[in-house]
Amino acid sequence: MARDGGWLGLEGRVCAVTGAGGGLGRAIALGLAAVGARVALLDRSADGMAGTVAALREAGAEPLALACDVSDPESVATAAGQVEASLGPCAVLVNNAALLRPGPLESLTLADWNALLAVNLTGYFLCSQAFGAQMRAAGRGSLVHVASIAAGHAQGFSGAYSVSKAGVVMLSRQIATEWGPAGLRSNVVSPGLVMTPLSQPFYDAPGVQARREAVVPARRIGQPEDIADAVAFLASDRAAYVNGDEMVVDGGFTRGIMNLIPRPGFDAPAKAPA
């Protein structure tokens, strides 16, 4: 997709993306680089990060790739210092790193609960602190946090996932209120049904993709690029007066929930056979 970097005003801006080794993180990094941003990749997966680096170089960008465990304060602090030393102060942070530890709450272990929250929520907090300090020193900056529609719609048997994403939304709002006066903005992108390496096993099951597409008004499953475009907008000066908000990118799925309830006599008429 062709993009106009000048319209977004992100040329030369230093953008750090966590969980950049694949899926949404890779698409977000590619999208930011495409509009002229200087991208720093943070991930604890060396193999995944190598793939993102290769994709960015093929697109003509030269990213900075750093091993970082977002759940470790020292690792985050070191990465933030390396980004500033190599590229300059961070102007945009995209908190995206996440993991899934599924399971019913009745038998979910404390270790799995803590492990997921450490990455999906505490990691967002630690990165916001470390990179936000650089933004406050500069008097401006944008933080974009990738959450999920699961933040507002509990997803059963997914362990602490929905809880973590709900926490991300509230964390972003608190950052917006506390750091807004210093020139920083904090917003959330909440994806709906998106096809990524994490969700691919679901779509590999027979009939699942068609069933999922049928409940999305847009009649398609989202792609990582759909999320990357939303992130780039919120990161940019075009969203300069958007702060503490949440952008839901789900093809209309959460707005069409009432249409999933059978209502004889009111449902859309079935299409006649071809």
Protein backbone atom coordinates (compact mmCIF):
# COMPACT_ATOMS: atom_id res chain seq x y z
CA MET A 1 0.00 0.00 0.00
CA ALA A 2 1.41 3.37 -1.03
CA ARG A 3 1.78 5.82 1.84
CA ASP A 4 2.53 9.55 2.01
CA GLY A 5 5.09 10.00 4.74
CA GLY A 6 4.88 13.77 4.52
CA TRP A 7 1.19 13.71 5.35
CA LEU A 8 1.87 11.79 8.55
CA GLY A 9 4.94 13.81 9.53
CA LEU A 10 6.92 10.79 10.75
CA GLU A 11 10.02 11.23 8.57
CA GLY A 12 13.14 10.90 10.67
CA ARG A 13 11.22 10.20 13.87
CA VAL A 14 12.71 7.49 16.06
CA CYS A 15 10.10 4.77 16.60
CA ALA A 16 10.61 1.80 18.91
CA VAL A 17 8.44 -1.28 18.31
CA THR A 18 8.30 -4.11 20.84
CA GLY A 19 7.49 -7.64 19.77
CA ALA A 20 8.87 -6.72 16.36
CA GLY A 21 9.94 -10.25 15.47
CA GLY A 22 6.81 -11.17 13.54
CA GLY A 23 3.08 -10.85 13.05
CA LEU A 24 1.72 -7.45 14.01
CA GLY A 25 5.09 -6.17 15.17
CA ARG A 26 6.73 -6.81 11.81
CA ALA A 27 3.87 -5.17 9.91
CA ILE A 28 3.96 -2.14 12.23
CA ALA A 29 7.72 -1.76 11.80
CA LEU A 30 7.41 -2.01 8.02
CA GLY A 31 4.56 0.51 8.01
CA LEU A 32 6.50 3.05 10.05
CA ALA A 33 9.64 2.61 7.94
CA ALA A 34 7.55 3.09 4.79
CA VAL A 35 6.64 6.61 5.92
CA GLY A 36 10.24 7.54 6.70
CA ALA A 37 10.55 6.72 10.39
CA ARG A 38 13.78 5.43 11.87
CA VAL A 39 12.77 2.13 13.40
CA ALA A 40 14.19 0.31 16.40
CA LEU A 41 13.12 -3.32 16.71
CA LEU A 42 12.82 -4.87 20.16
CA ASP A 43 12.18 -8.58 20.61
CA ARG A 44 13.53 -11.49 22.60
CA SER A 45 13.36 -13.77 19.55
CA ALA A 46 16.56 -13.48 17.54
CA ASP A 47 15.17 -15.57 14.68
CA GLY A 48 12.00 -13.52 14.38
CA MET A 49 13.91 -10.26 14.52
CA ALA A 50 16.25 -11.43 11.76
CA GLY A 51 13.24 -11.94 9.51
CA THR A 52 11.95 -8.44 10.25
CA VAL A 53 15.38 -6.93 9.62
CA ALA A 54 15.57 -8.72 6.28
CA ALA A 55 12.10 -7.47 5.29
CA LEU A 56 12.95 -3.90 6.23
CA ARG A 57 16.26 -3.95 4.35
CA GLU A 58 14.49 -5.31 1.31
CA ALA A 59 12.17 -2.29 1.57
CA GLY A 60 15.17 0.06 1.71
CA ALA A 61 15.28 0.73 5.46
CA GLU A 62 18.10 0.11 7.91
CA PRO A 63 16.60 -0.74 11.32
CA LEU A 64 18.26 -1.04 14.69
CA ALA A 65 17.58 -4.51 16.12
CA LEU A 66 17.93 -5.08 19.85
CA ALA A 67 17.36 -8.15 22.00
CA CYS A 68 14.99 -7.13 24.76
CA ASP A 69 12.85 -8.91 27.33
CA VAL A 70 10.12 -6.38 28.06
CA SER A 71 9.32 -8.07 31.37
CA ASP A 72 12.85 -7.37 32.65
CA PRO A 73 13.45 -3.78 33.88
CA GLU A 74 17.19 -3.95 33.25
CA SER A 75 16.72 -5.29 29.73
CA VAL A 76 14.24 -2.52 28.94
CA ALA A 77 16.46 0.20 30.40
CA THR A 78 19.44 -1.07 28.41
CA ALA A 79 17.43 -1.17 25.17
CA ALA A 80 16.10 2.36 25.72
CA GLY A 81 19.63 3.63 26.26
CA GLN A 82 20.88 1.88 23.12
CA VAL A 83 18.08 3.35 21.02
CA GLU A 84 18.87 6.87 22.22
CA ALA A 85 22.62 6.42 21.74
CA SER A 86 22.27 4.97 18.23
CA LEU A 87 19.31 6.83 16.75
CA GLY A 88 18.48 9.66 19.12
CA PRO A 89 15.63 10.17 21.60
CA CYS A 90 12.58 8.00 21.01
CA ALA A 91 9.64 9.93 19.58
CA VAL A 92 7.20 7.02 19.22
CA LEU A 93 6.84 3.86 21.28
CA VAL A 94 4.64 1.04 20.04
CA ASN A 95 3.95 -1.43 22.82
CA ASN A 96 3.09 -4.63 20.98
CA ALA A 97 4.93 -7.56 22.59
CA ALA A 98 2.47 -10.16 23.89
CA LEU A 99 2.02 -13.83 24.57
CA LEU A 100 -0.90 -16.19 25.11
CA ARG A 101 -1.13 -18.80 27.87
CA PRO A 102 -4.62 -20.29 27.38
CA GLY A 103 -6.49 -22.21 30.03
CA PRO A 104 -9.60 -22.16 32.23
CA LEU A 105 -9.39 -19.93 35.29
CA GLU A 106 -10.32 -22.79 37.60
CA SER A 107 -7.07 -24.60 36.86
CA LEU A 108 -4.81 -21.79 35.58
CA THR A 109 -1.50 -21.86 37.38
CA LEU A 110 -0.15 -18.79 39.10
CA ALA A 111 3.02 -19.18 37.04
CA ASP A 112 1.07 -18.90 33.76
CA TRP A 113 -0.98 -15.97 35.12
CA ASN A 114 2.14 -14.06 36.19
CA ALA A 115 4.11 -14.90 33.03
CA LEU A 116 1.40 -13.47 30.77
CA LEU A 117 0.86 -10.32 32.83
CA ALA A 118 4.62 -9.76 33.03
CA VAL A 119 4.80 -9.40 29.25
CA ASN A 120 1.35 -8.17 28.23
CA LEU A 121 0.91 -5.53 30.92
CA THR A 122 3.99 -4.98 33.07
CA GLY A 123 6.13 -4.94 29.94
CA TYR A 124 4.01 -2.12 28.54
CA PHE A 125 4.46 -0.19 31.78
CA LEU A 126 8.23 -0.69 31.88
CA CYS A 127 8.71 0.34 28.24
CA SER A 128 6.43 3.34 28.70
CA GLN A 129 8.51 4.48 31.67
CA ALA A 130 11.87 4.03 29.95
CA PHE A 131 11.02 5.50 26.55
CA GLY A 132 8.57 8.01 28.00
CA ALA A 133 11.44 9.60 29.92
CA GLN A 134 13.12 10.43 26.60
CA MET A 135 9.88 11.90 25.27
CA ARG A 136 9.31 14.05 28.34
CA ALA A 137 12.85 15.39 28.04
CA ALA A 138 12.06 16.37 24.43
CA GLY A 139 8.66 17.83 25.33
CA ARG A 140 6.74 15.64 22.90
CA GLY A 141 6.05 12.02 22.01
CA SER A 142 3.46 9.41 21.18
CA LEU A 143 2.82 6.04 22.78
CA VAL A 144 0.61 3.54 20.97
CA HIS A 145 -0.34 0.36 22.79
CA VAL A 146 -1.70 -2.69 20.99
CA ALA A 147 -4.53 -4.18 23.06
CA SER A 148 -7.45 -6.26 21.75
CA ILE A 149 -11.22 -6.30 21.54
CA ALA A 150 -10.80 -8.92 24.29
CA ALA A 151 -10.15 -5.97 26.62
CA GLY A 152 -13.86 -5.20 26.63
CA HIS A 153 -15.26 -8.60 25.70
CA ALA A 154 -14.05 -11.37 28.00
CA GLN A 155 -12.54 -14.25 26.06
CA GLY A 156 -13.12 -17.43 28.00
CA PHE A 157 -10.46 -20.08 28.51
CA SER A 158 -7.69 -17.66 27.51
CA GLY A 159 -6.11 -17.37 30.93
CA ALA A 160 -5.15 -13.82 31.86
CA TYR A 161 -5.25 -12.54 28.28
CA SER A 162 -8.44 -10.45 28.50
CA VAL A 163 -7.42 -9.15 31.92
CA SER A 164 -4.05 -8.06 30.58
CA LYS A 165 -5.56 -6.26 27.61
CA ALA A 166 -8.11 -4.48 29.78
CA GLY A 167 -5.18 -3.35 31.91
CA VAL A 168 -3.42 -2.02 28.82
CA VAL A 169 -6.39 0.20 27.99
CA MET A 170 -6.46 1.66 31.51
CA LEU A 171 -2.68 2.06 31.62
CA SER A 172 -2.85 4.08 28.40
CA ARG A 173 -5.56 6.33 29.80
CA GLN A 174 -3.58 6.98 32.95
CA ILE A 175 -0.46 7.79 30.94
CA ALA A 176 -2.51 10.21 28.85
CA THR A 177 -3.76 12.08 31.89
CA GLU A 178 -0.42 12.17 33.72
CA TRP A 179 1.92 12.86 30.81
CA GLY A 180 -0.35 14.87 28.52
CA PRO A 181 0.73 18.18 30.11
CA ALA A 182 4.34 17.28 29.25
CA GLY A 183 3.47 17.01 25.55
CA LEU A 184 2.98 13.24 25.32
CA ARG A 185 0.01 11.35 23.90
CA SER A 186 -1.02 7.79 24.72
CA ASN A 187 -3.56 5.78 22.72
CA VAL A 188 -4.63 2.20 22.13
CA VAL A 189 -5.27 0.17 18.98
CA SER A 190 -7.53 -2.81 19.67
CA PRO A 191 -7.50 -5.38 16.87
CA GLY A 192 -10.38 -7.73 16.22
CA LEU A 193 -10.03 -10.90 14.19
CA VAL A 194 -6.62 -10.64 12.54
CA MET A 195 -4.66 -13.39 10.82
CA THR A 196 -1.20 -13.62 12.38
CA PRO A 197 1.20 -16.46 13.14
CA LEU A 198 -0.34 -16.57 16.64
CA SER A 199 -3.88 -17.03 15.31
CA GLN A 200 -3.03 -19.04 12.18
CA PRO A 201 -3.70 -22.44 13.82
CA PHE A 202 -7.34 -21.43 14.29
CA TYR A 203 -7.74 -20.69 10.59
CA ASP A 204 -6.07 -23.95 9.63
CA ALA A 205 -9.03 -25.85 11.10
CA PRO A 206 -11.60 -26.71 8.39
CA GLY A 207 -14.37 -24.16 7.99
CA VAL A 208 -13.16 -21.77 10.69
CA GLN A 209 -12.16 -18.91 8.40
CA ALA A 210 -15.53 -18.91 6.59
CA ARG A 211 -17.42 -18.99 9.89
CA ARG A 212 -15.40 -16.09 11.27
CA GLU A 213 -15.75 -14.04 8.10
CA ALA A 214 -19.52 -14.52 8.26
CA VAL A 215 -19.78 -12.65 11.59
CA VAL A 216 -17.65 -9.68 10.52
CA PRO A 217 -19.62 -6.96 8.67
CA ALA A 218 -16.59 -6.34 6.45
CA ARG A 219 -16.78 -10.05 5.52
CA ARG A 220 -13.05 -10.58 5.78
CA ILE A 221 -10.43 -11.32 8.40
CA GLY A 222 -8.09 -8.48 9.21
CA GLN A 223 -4.48 -8.46 8.08
CA PRO A 224 -1.50 -7.15 10.07
CA GLU A 225 -1.27 -4.20 7.69
CA ASP A 226 -4.73 -3.05 8.81
CA ILE A 227 -3.40 -2.68 12.33
CA ALA A 228 -0.13 -1.11 11.16
CA ASP A 229 -2.02 1.66 9.36
CA ALA A 230 -4.01 2.50 12.50
CA VAL A 231 -0.83 2.56 14.58
CA ALA A 232 0.91 4.89 12.13
CA PHE A 233 -2.00 7.31 12.23
CA LEU A 234 -2.15 7.46 16.03
CA ALA A 235 1.62 7.82 16.19
CA SER A 236 1.58 10.72 13.76
CA ASP A 237 0.93 14.45 14.02
CA ARG A 238 -2.37 13.88 12.21
CA ALA A 239 -3.63 12.53 15.52
CA ALA A 240 -2.16 15.41 17.52
CA TYR A 241 -5.40 16.01 19.46
CA VAL A 242 -6.18 12.35 20.08
CA ASN A 243 -5.11 11.35 23.57
CA GLY A 244 -6.27 8.63 25.95
CA ASP A 245 -8.47 7.05 23.30
CA GLU A 246 -8.94 3.57 21.86
CA MET A 247 -9.22 2.81 18.15
CA VAL A 248 -11.00 -0.48 17.51
CA VAL A 249 -9.92 -2.08 14.23
CA ASP A 250 -12.20 -5.06 13.76
CA GLY A 251 -14.14 -4.66 10.51
CA GLY A 252 -17.25 -3.78 12.53
CA PHE A 253 -17.36 -7.07 14.44
CA THR A 254 -18.02 -5.65 17.92
CA ARG A 255 -20.64 -3.27 16.52
CA GLY A 256 -22.53 -6.16 14.95
CA ILE A 257 -22.87 -8.40 17.99
CA MET A 258 -26.63 -7.78 18.23
CA ASN A 259 -26.99 -9.13 14.71
CA LEU A 260 -25.78 -12.52 15.91
CA ILE A 261 -28.94 -12.98 17.97
CA PRO A 262 -31.68 -14.83 16.03
CA ARG A 263 -34.78 -12.63 15.56
CA PRO A 264 -37.36 -14.46 13.44
CA GLY A 265 -39.14 -12.01 11.18
CA PHE A 266 -36.45 -9.35 11.51
CA ASP A 267 -33.36 -11.16 10.23
CA ALA A 268 -31.96 -10.32 6.82
CA PRO A 269 -33.64 -12.48 4.16
CA ALA A 270 -31.64 -15.45 3.00
CA LYS A 271 -30.14 -15.16 -0.46
CA ALA A 272 -31.85 -17.18 -3.14
CA PRO A 273 -29.79 -20.10 -4.50
CA ALA A 274 -27.78 -19.23 -7.58
